[in-house]
Amino acid sequence: MTILLKQGQSLGGAKLTPSKLHVAEISNLIYNTSVQLYKSRKGIMKHYGFTLAETLITLGIIGVIAALTLPSVMSSYKNKTYVAQLQKVYNQFSNAAMQMMLDEDVDNLTDTYLYSNYSYSIDKDTPEADKNNITRSALTDSSGRFLKKYFRITKDCSISPDDCFADTYKSLDKSASATASEAIYEDYEKKYCVSINTGASICMSEMNEDDHYENADMDHGYSKIVIDVNGKAGPNISGRDLFGFQLYSDGTVGSSHTPGGDRSESICTAEGKINDPTYGSGCFEKVIGDGWAMDY
């Protein structure tokens, strides 16, 4: 490769006559020129740099600020992640309930297979093994059937939550803990448990009669639901990733507190209640009330 320069042109201070110069010769000229420019500017550039001490002080200040703010930023990020996962499961239940009523051509879930009193009609003298068999059968035909039809199941844990949920759950103040069964089975009420494709784990009871509506003109009921928004993954804290809510027979999803009940007992708001490790009672309602935010 050659380059033709006209007479009188210069490159790097050298006068050139008309000739064909090889690339290697031009490269040498460019290099020599660059070295000369660097040497001429070196004295100017050195006045614009930082000393080692100044650099270390700046990095130290940045480190202190990061140490003070990073935990808060990370905690806020994690809480937003838990809320997003909770909202996703909430929407799935709302959509599933509406779809079920369309599929069954009914206006109320008490007219579907979700509504059952089998496990509550067991005689107290029935042997424990038989009780479990009856309960498993009833739940499989009601909440288990519902979950399998309207959710993408990745793991079926039947009436035992141990394989779908963490081994233990802590209270918000981390002063108390409970096993998965203790955290999920309120008053030993059995639920059908699964893990779904979003990573959440769900335990759901049969739909039972709601005494708060016993004087209403139409049948009402509710199904109790406990979810861990990220399954066995941490932090496994009631009110952080473990929540409880209810699916009502009209297809709405609401707080685990009964309609019109005393909501001041929420473990997420009431002083002295943050040591309760069971299924985040009231936290679901607070998250929704705060505009899908975890401000506690």
C-alpha atoms as a PDB file:
ATOM      1  CA  MET A   1       0.000   0.000   0.000  1.00  0.00           C
ATOM      2  CA  THR A   2       1.410   3.463  -0.949  1.00  0.00           C
ATOM      3  CA  ILE A   3       0.326   7.075  -0.387  1.00  0.00           C
ATOM      4  CA  LEU A   4       1.154   9.961  -2.772  1.00  0.00           C
ATOM      5  CA  LEU A   5       2.000  13.345  -1.216  1.00  0.00           C
ATOM      6  CA  LYS A   6       2.239  16.610  -3.170  1.00  0.00           C
ATOM      7  CA  GLN A   7       5.329  18.732  -3.270  1.00  0.00           C
ATOM      8  CA  GLY A   8       5.686  21.032  -0.284  1.00  0.00           C
ATOM      9  CA  GLN A   9       3.471  19.030   2.032  1.00  0.00           C
ATOM     10  CA  SER A  10       4.875  18.109   5.411  1.00  0.00           C
ATOM     11  CA  LEU A  11       4.149  15.438   7.945  1.00  0.00           C
ATOM     12  CA  GLY A  12       5.576  15.629  11.437  1.00  0.00           C
ATOM     13  CA  GLY A  13       7.648  18.658  10.473  1.00  0.00           C
ATOM     14  CA  ALA A  14       9.396  16.947   7.571  1.00  0.00           C
ATOM     15  CA  LYS A  15       9.250  18.448   4.073  1.00  0.00           C
ATOM     16  CA  LEU A  16       8.300  15.874   1.512  1.00  0.00           C
ATOM     17  CA  THR A  17       8.885  15.886  -2.246  1.00  0.00           C
ATOM     18  CA  PRO A  18       6.564  14.095  -4.653  1.00  0.00           C
ATOM     19  CA  SER A  19       7.201  10.477  -4.005  1.00  0.00           C
ATOM     20  CA  LYS A  20       5.496   7.286  -3.044  1.00  0.00           C
ATOM     21  CA  LEU A  21       5.928   6.518   0.658  1.00  0.00           C
ATOM     22  CA  HIS A  22       5.316   3.152   2.193  1.00  0.00           C
ATOM     23  CA  VAL A  23       2.900   2.823   5.105  1.00  0.00           C
ATOM     24  CA  ALA A  24       5.745   1.864   7.441  1.00  0.00           C
ATOM     25  CA  GLU A  25       7.502   5.206   6.740  1.00  0.00           C
ATOM     26  CA  ILE A  26       4.304   7.182   7.415  1.00  0.00           C
ATOM     27  CA  SER A  27       3.711   5.200  10.617  1.00  0.00           C
ATOM     28  CA  ASN A  28       7.156   6.170  11.869  1.00  0.00           C
ATOM     29  CA  LEU A  29       6.455   9.824  11.153  1.00  0.00           C
ATOM     30  CA  ILE A  30       3.115   9.673  13.033  1.00  0.00           C
ATOM     31  CA  TYR A  31       4.767   7.973  16.023  1.00  0.00           C
ATOM     32  CA  ASN A  32       7.578  10.527  16.209  1.00  0.00           C
ATOM     33  CA  THR A  33       5.069  13.390  15.997  1.00  0.00           C
ATOM     34  CA  SER A  34       2.942  11.887  18.789  1.00  0.00           C
ATOM     35  CA  VAL A  35       5.979  11.553  21.058  1.00  0.00           C
ATOM     36  CA  GLN A  36       6.911  15.188  20.467  1.00  0.00           C
ATOM     37  CA  LEU A  37       3.356  16.356  21.258  1.00  0.00           C
ATOM     38  CA  TYR A  38       3.234  14.275  24.459  1.00  0.00           C
ATOM     39  CA  LYS A  39       6.552  15.686  25.694  1.00  0.00           C
ATOM     40  CA  SER A  40       5.479  19.240  24.952  1.00  0.00           C
ATOM     41  CA  ARG A  41       2.161  18.844  26.899  1.00  0.00           C
ATOM     42  CA  LYS A  42       3.472  16.736  29.768  1.00  0.00           C
ATOM     43  CA  GLY A  43       4.344  19.730  31.869  1.00  0.00           C
ATOM     44  CA  ILE A  44       0.808  21.145  31.482  1.00  0.00           C
ATOM     45  CA  MET A  45      -1.122  17.915  32.094  1.00  0.00           C
ATOM     46  CA  LYS A  46       0.565  17.067  35.369  1.00  0.00           C
ATOM     47  CA  HIS A  47      -1.112  20.046  37.071  1.00  0.00           C
ATOM     48  CA  TYR A  48      -4.620  18.642  36.449  1.00  0.00           C
ATOM     49  CA  GLY A  49      -4.355  15.244  38.230  1.00  0.00           C
ATOM     50  CA  PHE A  50      -5.349  14.146  41.774  1.00  0.00           C
ATOM     51  CA  THR A  51      -2.842  13.191  44.394  1.00  0.00           C
ATOM     52  CA  LEU A  52      -2.980   9.729  45.947  1.00  0.00           C
ATOM     53  CA  ALA A  53      -4.204  11.200  49.248  1.00  0.00           C
ATOM     54  CA  GLU A  54      -7.045  13.065  47.538  1.00  0.00           C
ATOM     55  CA  THR A  55      -8.095   9.912  45.690  1.00  0.00           C
ATOM     56  CA  LEU A  56      -8.087   7.820  48.879  1.00  0.00           C
ATOM     57  CA  ILE A  57     -10.129  10.403  50.792  1.00  0.00           C
ATOM     58  CA  THR A  58     -12.723  10.533  48.005  1.00  0.00           C
ATOM     59  CA  LEU A  59     -12.997   6.748  47.870  1.00  0.00           C
ATOM     60  CA  GLY A  60     -13.344   6.646  51.661  1.00  0.00           C
ATOM     61  CA  ILE A  61     -16.248   9.108  51.596  1.00  0.00           C
ATOM     62  CA  ILE A  62     -17.955   7.110  48.867  1.00  0.00           C
ATOM     63  CA  GLY A  63     -17.487   3.926  50.910  1.00  0.00           C
ATOM     64  CA  VAL A  64     -19.040   5.464  54.039  1.00  0.00           C
ATOM     65  CA  ILE A  65     -22.056   6.748  52.087  1.00  0.00           C
ATOM     66  CA  ALA A  66     -22.507   3.336  50.455  1.00  0.00           C
ATOM     67  CA  ALA A  67     -22.302   1.551  53.811  1.00  0.00           C
ATOM     68  CA  LEU A  68     -25.003   3.813  55.245  1.00  0.00           C
ATOM     69  CA  THR A  69     -27.423   3.690  52.315  1.00  0.00           C
ATOM     70  CA  LEU A  70     -26.922   0.278  50.711  1.00  0.00           C
ATOM     71  CA  PRO A  71     -28.715  -1.818  53.393  1.00  0.00           C
ATOM     72  CA  SER A  72     -31.766   0.430  53.189  1.00  0.00           C
ATOM     73  CA  VAL A  73     -31.744   0.347  49.395  1.00  0.00           C
ATOM     74  CA  MET A  74     -31.406  -3.443  49.344  1.00  0.00           C
ATOM     75  CA  SER A  75     -34.171  -3.891  51.925  1.00  0.00           C
ATOM     76  CA  SER A  76     -36.493  -1.643  49.927  1.00  0.00           C
ATOM     77  CA  TYR A  77     -35.679  -3.557  46.747  1.00  0.00           C
ATOM     78  CA  LYS A  78     -36.373  -6.919  48.383  1.00  0.00           C
ATOM     79  CA  ASN A  79     -39.677  -5.702  49.847  1.00  0.00           C
ATOM     80  CA  LYS A  80     -40.778  -4.488  46.418  1.00  0.00           C
ATOM     81  CA  THR A  81     -39.902  -7.911  45.016  1.00  0.00           C
ATOM     82  CA  TYR A  82     -42.020  -9.671  47.661  1.00  0.00           C
ATOM     83  CA  VAL A  83     -44.950  -7.326  46.972  1.00  0.00           C
ATOM     84  CA  ALA A  84     -44.699  -7.905  43.217  1.00  0.00           C
ATOM     85  CA  GLN A  85     -44.767 -11.674  43.769  1.00  0.00           C
ATOM     86  CA  LEU A  86     -47.700 -11.345  46.188  1.00  0.00           C
ATOM     87  CA  GLN A  87     -49.648  -9.245  43.701  1.00  0.00           C
ATOM     88  CA  LYS A  88     -49.031 -11.823  40.987  1.00  0.00           C
ATOM     89  CA  VAL A  89     -50.532 -14.626  43.102  1.00  0.00           C
ATOM     90  CA  TYR A  90     -53.423 -12.363  44.117  1.00  0.00           C
ATOM     91  CA  ASN A  91     -54.233 -11.715  40.454  1.00  0.00           C
ATOM     92  CA  GLN A  92     -53.966 -15.422  39.660  1.00  0.00           C
ATOM     93  CA  PHE A  93     -56.538 -16.289  42.338  1.00  0.00           C
ATOM     94  CA  SER A  94     -58.884 -13.516  41.224  1.00  0.00           C
ATOM     95  CA  ASN A  95     -58.700 -14.666  37.607  1.00  0.00           C
ATOM     96  CA  ALA A  96     -59.016 -18.346  38.550  1.00  0.00           C
ATOM     97  CA  ALA A  97     -62.152 -17.696  40.626  1.00  0.00           C
ATOM     98  CA  MET A  98     -63.816 -15.736  37.833  1.00  0.00           C
ATOM     99  CA  GLN A  99     -62.865 -18.384  35.278  1.00  0.00           C
ATOM    100  CA  MET A 100     -64.232 -21.157  37.478  1.00  0.00           C
ATOM    101  CA  MET A 101     -67.616 -19.458  37.786  1.00  0.00           C
ATOM    102  CA  LEU A 102     -67.693 -19.077  34.011  1.00  0.00           C
ATOM    103  CA  ASP A 103     -66.715 -22.723  33.484  1.00  0.00           C
ATOM    104  CA  GLU A 104     -69.308 -23.949  35.997  1.00  0.00           C
ATOM    105  CA  ASP A 105     -71.920 -21.431  34.806  1.00  0.00           C
ATOM    106  CA  VAL A 106     -72.647 -20.218  38.366  1.00  0.00           C
ATOM    107  CA  ASP A 107     -72.729 -16.896  40.161  1.00  0.00           C
ATOM    108  CA  ASN A 108     -71.317 -18.157  43.439  1.00  0.00           C
ATOM    109  CA  LEU A 109     -68.514 -20.541  44.300  1.00  0.00           C
ATOM    110  CA  THR A 110     -70.679 -22.294  46.879  1.00  0.00           C
ATOM    111  CA  ASP A 111     -72.381 -23.882  43.869  1.00  0.00           C
ATOM    112  CA  THR A 112     -69.138 -25.565  42.815  1.00  0.00           C
ATOM    113  CA  TYR A 113     -66.978 -28.436  44.020  1.00  0.00           C
ATOM    114  CA  LEU A 114     -64.983 -25.968  46.130  1.00  0.00           C
ATOM    115  CA  TYR A 115     -67.755 -25.854  48.702  1.00  0.00           C
ATOM    116  CA  SER A 116     -67.495 -28.835  51.041  1.00  0.00           C
ATOM    117  CA  ASN A 117     -67.890 -29.720  54.718  1.00  0.00           C
ATOM    118  CA  TYR A 118     -66.458 -33.230  54.554  1.00  0.00           C
ATOM    119  CA  SER A 119     -63.444 -32.700  56.758  1.00  0.00           C
ATOM    120  CA  TYR A 120     -65.555 -30.865  59.345  1.00  0.00           C
ATOM    121  CA  SER A 121     -68.077 -33.665  59.737  1.00  0.00           C
ATOM    122  CA  ILE A 122     -65.532 -36.247  60.900  1.00  0.00           C
ATOM    123  CA  ASP A 123     -66.521 -37.910  64.129  1.00  0.00           C
ATOM    124  CA  LYS A 124     -64.133 -37.134  66.988  1.00  0.00           C
ATOM    125  CA  ASP A 125     -63.694 -40.848  67.653  1.00  0.00           C
ATOM    126  CA  THR A 126     -62.489 -41.563  64.111  1.00  0.00           C
ATOM    127  CA  PRO A 127     -58.904 -42.929  64.149  1.00  0.00           C
ATOM    128  CA  GLU A 128     -56.276 -40.388  63.112  1.00  0.00           C
ATOM    129  CA  ALA A 129     -55.248 -42.356  60.020  1.00  0.00           C
ATOM    130  CA  ASP A 130     -58.857 -42.425  58.823  1.00  0.00           C
ATOM    131  CA  LYS A 131     -59.237 -38.719  59.541  1.00  0.00           C
ATOM    132  CA  ASN A 132     -56.249 -37.979  57.317  1.00  0.00           C
ATOM    133  CA  ASN A 133     -57.634 -40.175  54.536  1.00  0.00           C
ATOM    134  CA  ILE A 134     -61.035 -38.479  54.674  1.00  0.00           C
ATOM    135  CA  THR A 135     -59.435 -35.034  54.798  1.00  0.00           C
ATOM    136  CA  ARG A 136     -57.082 -35.796  51.923  1.00  0.00           C
ATOM    137  CA  SER A 137     -59.948 -37.109  49.816  1.00  0.00           C
ATOM    138  CA  ALA A 138     -62.126 -34.075  50.546  1.00  0.00           C
ATOM    139  CA  LEU A 139     -59.368 -31.580  49.837  1.00  0.00           C
ATOM    140  CA  THR A 140     -58.253 -33.397  46.688  1.00  0.00           C
ATOM    141  CA  ASP A 141     -61.797 -33.138  45.340  1.00  0.00           C
ATOM    142  CA  SER A 142     -62.176 -29.456  46.260  1.00  0.00           C
ATOM    143  CA  SER A 143     -59.221 -27.065  46.707  1.00  0.00           C
ATOM    144  CA  GLY A 144     -56.742 -29.557  45.235  1.00  0.00           C
ATOM    145  CA  ARG A 145     -58.854 -29.918  42.120  1.00  0.00           C
ATOM    146  CA  PHE A 146     -59.194 -26.132  41.828  1.00  0.00           C
ATOM    147  CA  LEU A 147     -55.453 -25.512  42.147  1.00  0.00           C
ATOM    148  CA  LYS A 148     -54.550 -28.217  39.632  1.00  0.00           C
ATOM    149  CA  LYS A 149     -56.976 -26.883  37.041  1.00  0.00           C
ATOM    150  CA  TYR A 150     -56.278 -23.160  37.245  1.00  0.00           C
ATOM    151  CA  PHE A 151     -52.595 -23.026  38.226  1.00  0.00           C
ATOM    152  CA  ARG A 152     -49.459 -24.498  36.693  1.00  0.00           C
ATOM    153  CA  ILE A 153     -48.355 -26.928  39.375  1.00  0.00           C
ATOM    154  CA  THR A 154     -44.662 -27.776  39.704  1.00  0.00           C
ATOM    155  CA  LYS A 155     -44.990 -29.796  42.907  1.00  0.00           C
ATOM    156  CA  ASP A 156     -47.987 -31.479  44.541  1.00  0.00           C
ATOM    157  CA  CYS A 157     -47.598 -31.698  48.331  1.00  0.00           C
ATOM    158  CA  SER A 158     -51.177 -32.784  49.089  1.00  0.00           C
ATOM    159  CA  ILE A 159     -52.125 -32.077  52.727  1.00  0.00           C
ATOM    160  CA  SER A 160     -48.520 -31.807  53.915  1.00  0.00           C
ATOM    161  CA  PRO A 161     -46.857 -28.404  53.459  1.00  0.00           C
ATOM    162  CA  ASP A 162     -43.381 -29.596  54.423  1.00  0.00           C
ATOM    163  CA  ASP A 163     -42.204 -30.325  50.882  1.00  0.00           C
ATOM    164  CA  CYS A 164     -43.478 -27.032  49.458  1.00  0.00           C
ATOM    165  CA  PHE A 165     -42.724 -24.608  52.291  1.00  0.00           C
ATOM    166  CA  ALA A 166     -39.662 -23.774  54.384  1.00  0.00           C
ATOM    167  CA  ASP A 167     -38.953 -25.797  57.511  1.00  0.00           C
ATOM    168  CA  THR A 168     -39.468 -22.828  59.861  1.00  0.00           C
ATOM    169  CA  TYR A 169     -40.878 -19.316  59.744  1.00  0.00           C
ATOM    170  CA  LYS A 170     -39.954 -16.359  61.931  1.00  0.00           C
ATOM    171  CA  SER A 171     -41.994 -13.458  63.234  1.00  0.00           C
ATOM    172  CA  LEU A 172     -41.350  -9.930  61.991  1.00  0.00           C
ATOM    173  CA  ASP A 173     -39.210  -9.115  65.010  1.00  0.00           C
ATOM    174  CA  LYS A 174     -37.497 -12.533  64.633  1.00  0.00           C
ATOM    175  CA  SER A 175     -38.162 -13.333  68.279  1.00  0.00           C
ATOM    176  CA  ALA A 176     -40.393 -16.345  67.593  1.00  0.00           C
ATOM    177  CA  SER A 177     -40.496 -19.171  65.085  1.00  0.00           C
ATOM    178  CA  ALA A 178     -42.884 -21.894  63.949  1.00  0.00           C
ATOM    179  CA  THR A 179     -42.774 -24.953  61.744  1.00  0.00           C
ATOM    180  CA  ALA A 180     -44.477 -24.853  58.367  1.00  0.00           C
ATOM    181  CA  SER A 181     -47.467 -26.783  59.707  1.00  0.00           C
ATOM    182  CA  GLU A 182     -47.781 -24.475  62.723  1.00  0.00           C
ATOM    183  CA  ALA A 183     -47.532 -21.384  60.553  1.00  0.00           C
ATOM    184  CA  ILE A 184     -50.047 -22.591  57.960  1.00  0.00           C
ATOM    185  CA  TYR A 185     -52.599 -24.783  59.734  1.00  0.00           C
ATOM    186  CA  GLU A 186     -54.623 -22.370  61.803  1.00  0.00           C
ATOM    187  CA  ASP A 187     -56.495 -24.318  64.492  1.00  0.00           C
ATOM    188  CA  TYR A 188     -55.184 -27.498  62.820  1.00  0.00           C
ATOM    189  CA  GLU A 189     -57.330 -26.788  59.793  1.00  0.00           C
ATOM    190  CA  LYS A 190     -55.979 -28.823  56.891  1.00  0.00           C
ATOM    191  CA  LYS A 191     -55.221 -27.341  53.492  1.00  0.00           C
ATOM    192  CA  TYR A 192     -54.142 -28.674  50.113  1.00  0.00           C
ATOM    193  CA  CYS A 193     -50.612 -27.532  49.267  1.00  0.00           C
ATOM    194  CA  VAL A 194     -48.754 -27.068  45.981  1.00  0.00           C
ATOM    195  CA  SER A 195     -45.872 -25.151  44.428  1.00  0.00           C
ATOM    196  CA  ILE A 196     -46.558 -23.265  41.207  1.00  0.00           C
ATOM    197  CA  ASN A 197     -44.508 -22.119  38.224  1.00  0.00           C
ATOM    198  CA  THR A 198     -43.949 -18.583  39.572  1.00  0.00           C
ATOM    199  CA  GLY A 199     -41.970 -20.053  42.478  1.00  0.00           C
ATOM    200  CA  ALA A 200     -44.717 -19.463  45.039  1.00  0.00           C
ATOM    201  CA  SER A 201     -46.083 -22.137  47.358  1.00  0.00           C
ATOM    202  CA  ILE A 202     -49.802 -22.270  48.185  1.00  0.00           C
ATOM    203  CA  CYS A 203     -51.938 -24.026  50.784  1.00  0.00           C
ATOM    204  CA  MET A 204     -55.698 -23.744  50.321  1.00  0.00           C
ATOM    205  CA  SER A 205     -58.582 -25.012  52.434  1.00  0.00           C
ATOM    206  CA  GLU A 206     -61.994 -26.138  51.286  1.00  0.00           C
ATOM    207  CA  MET A 207     -64.637 -23.465  50.921  1.00  0.00           C
ATOM    208  CA  ASN A 208     -66.659 -23.404  54.123  1.00  0.00           C
ATOM    209  CA  GLU A 209     -69.698 -21.582  55.378  1.00  0.00           C
ATOM    210  CA  ASP A 210     -69.006 -18.076  56.645  1.00  0.00           C
ATOM    211  CA  ASP A 211     -70.928 -17.344  59.841  1.00  0.00           C
ATOM    212  CA  HIS A 212     -70.619 -13.621  59.233  1.00  0.00           C
ATOM    213  CA  TYR A 213     -73.021 -13.969  56.317  1.00  0.00           C
ATOM    214  CA  GLU A 214     -75.497 -16.363  57.902  1.00  0.00           C
ATOM    215  CA  ASN A 215     -78.331 -13.787  57.764  1.00  0.00           C
ATOM    216  CA  ALA A 216     -77.663 -12.730  54.193  1.00  0.00           C
ATOM    217  CA  ASP A 217     -80.020 -13.455  51.333  1.00  0.00           C
ATOM    218  CA  MET A 218     -77.554 -15.632  49.472  1.00  0.00           C
ATOM    219  CA  ASP A 219     -75.046 -18.315  50.406  1.00  0.00           C
ATOM    220  CA  HIS A 220     -71.562 -17.143  51.268  1.00  0.00           C
ATOM    221  CA  GLY A 221     -68.396 -18.990  52.067  1.00  0.00           C
ATOM    222  CA  TYR A 222     -64.668 -18.589  52.069  1.00  0.00           C
ATOM    223  CA  SER A 223     -61.551 -20.592  51.473  1.00  0.00           C
ATOM    224  CA  LYS A 224     -58.465 -19.827  53.560  1.00  0.00           C
ATOM    225  CA  ILE A 225     -55.254 -19.476  51.606  1.00  0.00           C
ATOM    226  CA  VAL A 226     -51.666 -19.241  52.840  1.00  0.00           C
ATOM    227  CA  ILE A 227     -48.843 -18.483  50.423  1.00  0.00           C
ATOM    228  CA  ASP A 228     -45.093 -18.141  50.512  1.00  0.00           C
ATOM    229  CA  VAL A 229     -44.423 -15.842  47.573  1.00  0.00           C
ATOM    230  CA  ASN A 230     -41.024 -17.419  46.832  1.00  0.00           C
ATOM    231  CA  GLY A 231     -41.434 -20.944  48.187  1.00  0.00           C
ATOM    232  CA  LYS A 232     -38.620 -22.289  50.327  1.00  0.00           C
ATOM    233  CA  ALA A 233     -36.355 -19.322  49.562  1.00  0.00           C
ATOM    234  CA  GLY A 234     -35.708 -16.779  52.310  1.00  0.00           C
ATOM    235  CA  PRO A 235     -36.327 -14.758  54.307  1.00  0.00           C
ATOM    236  CA  ASN A 236     -39.188 -17.041  55.497  1.00  0.00           C
ATOM    237  CA  ILE A 237     -40.670 -14.339  57.712  1.00  0.00           C
ATOM    238  CA  SER A 238     -44.365 -13.910  58.408  1.00  0.00           C
ATOM    239  CA  GLY A 239     -45.481 -10.703  56.714  1.00  0.00           C
ATOM    240  CA  ARG A 240     -42.465 -10.568  54.393  1.00  0.00           C
ATOM    241  CA  ASP A 241     -42.840 -13.583  52.149  1.00  0.00           C
ATOM    242  CA  LEU A 242     -45.537 -15.509  54.070  1.00  0.00           C
ATOM    243  CA  PHE A 243     -49.098 -14.177  53.802  1.00  0.00           C
ATOM    244  CA  GLY A 244     -52.657 -15.270  54.414  1.00  0.00           C
ATOM    245  CA  PHE A 245     -55.850 -14.201  52.657  1.00  0.00           C
ATOM    246  CA  GLN A 246     -59.244 -15.584  51.726  1.00  0.00           C
ATOM    247  CA  LEU A 247     -61.100 -16.414  48.555  1.00  0.00           C
ATOM    248  CA  TYR A 248     -64.751 -15.540  49.078  1.00  0.00           C
ATOM    249  CA  SER A 249     -67.593 -17.323  47.383  1.00  0.00           C
ATOM    250  CA  ASP A 250     -68.433 -14.311  45.223  1.00  0.00           C
ATOM    251  CA  GLY A 251     -64.994 -14.640  43.636  1.00  0.00           C
ATOM    252  CA  THR A 252     -63.315 -11.778  45.473  1.00  0.00           C
ATOM    253  CA  VAL A 253     -59.990 -12.107  47.249  1.00  0.00           C
ATOM    254  CA  GLY A 254     -59.708 -10.385  50.604  1.00  0.00           C
ATOM    255  CA  SER A 255     -57.952 -10.109  53.908  1.00  0.00           C
ATOM    256  CA  SER A 256     -57.521 -13.091  56.173  1.00  0.00           C
ATOM    257  CA  HIS A 257     -59.559 -11.092  58.684  1.00  0.00           C
ATOM    258  CA  THR A 258     -63.288 -11.643  58.488  1.00  0.00           C
ATOM    259  CA  PRO A 259     -65.396  -8.869  56.928  1.00  0.00           C
ATOM    260  CA  GLY A 260     -66.051  -6.150  59.464  1.00  0.00           C
ATOM    261  CA  GLY A 261     -63.726  -7.791  61.971  1.00  0.00           C
ATOM    262  CA  ASP A 262     -61.207  -6.084  64.233  1.00  0.00           C
ATOM    263  CA  ARG A 263     -58.226  -5.455  61.981  1.00  0.00           C
ATOM    264  CA  SER A 264     -56.145  -3.803  64.710  1.00  0.00           C
ATOM    265  CA  GLU A 265     -54.820  -7.255  65.582  1.00  0.00           C
ATOM    266  CA  SER A 266     -52.677  -7.309  62.460  1.00  0.00           C
ATOM    267  CA  ILE A 267     -49.168  -8.503  63.279  1.00  0.00           C
ATOM    268  CA  CYS A 268     -47.901  -5.907  60.825  1.00  0.00           C
ATOM    269  CA  THR A 269     -49.359  -2.896  62.610  1.00  0.00           C
ATOM    270  CA  ALA A 270     -50.245  -3.603  66.228  1.00  0.00           C
ATOM    271  CA  GLU A 271     -47.622  -3.174  68.916  1.00  0.00           C
ATOM    272  CA  GLY A 272     -46.788  -6.465  70.554  1.00  0.00           C
ATOM    273  CA  LYS A 273     -48.109  -8.530  67.653  1.00  0.00           C
ATOM    274  CA  ILE A 274     -44.939  -8.588  65.576  1.00  0.00           C
ATOM    275  CA  ASN A 275     -43.789 -11.677  67.508  1.00  0.00           C
ATOM    276  CA  ASP A 276     -46.398 -13.872  65.792  1.00  0.00           C
ATOM    277  CA  PRO A 277     -44.785 -16.173  63.189  1.00  0.00           C
ATOM    278  CA  THR A 278     -48.047 -17.466  61.672  1.00  0.00           C
ATOM    279  CA  TYR A 279     -49.093 -16.687  58.096  1.00  0.00           C
ATOM    280  CA  GLY A 280     -48.868 -12.867  58.146  1.00  0.00           C
ATOM    281  CA  SER A 281     -52.374 -12.185  59.394  1.00  0.00           C
ATOM    282  CA  GLY A 282     -53.416  -8.710  58.262  1.00  0.00           C
ATOM    283  CA  CYS A 283     -50.196  -7.979  56.374  1.00  0.00           C
ATOM    284  CA  PHE A 284     -51.876  -8.743  53.073  1.00  0.00           C
ATOM    285  CA  GLU A 285     -54.541  -6.157  53.808  1.00  0.00           C
ATOM    286  CA  LYS A 286     -51.970  -3.572  54.891  1.00  0.00           C
ATOM    287  CA  VAL A 287     -49.923  -4.066  51.715  1.00  0.00           C
ATOM    288  CA  ILE A 288     -53.026  -3.448  49.591  1.00  0.00           C
ATOM    289  CA  GLY A 289     -54.144  -0.535  51.783  1.00  0.00           C
ATOM    290  CA  ASP A 290     -50.755   1.131  51.311  1.00  0.00           C
ATOM    291  CA  GLY A 291     -51.073   0.911  47.540  1.00  0.00           C
ATOM    292  CA  TRP A 292     -49.257  -2.397  47.094  1.00  0.00           C
ATOM    293  CA  ALA A 293     -46.322  -1.293  49.210  1.00  0.00           C
ATOM    294  CA  MET A 294     -44.562  -2.900  52.156  1.00  0.00           C
ATOM    295  CA  ASP A 295     -44.100   0.091  54.452  1.00  0.00           C
ATOM    296  CA  TYR A 296     -43.522  -1.763  57.688  1.00  0.00           C
END
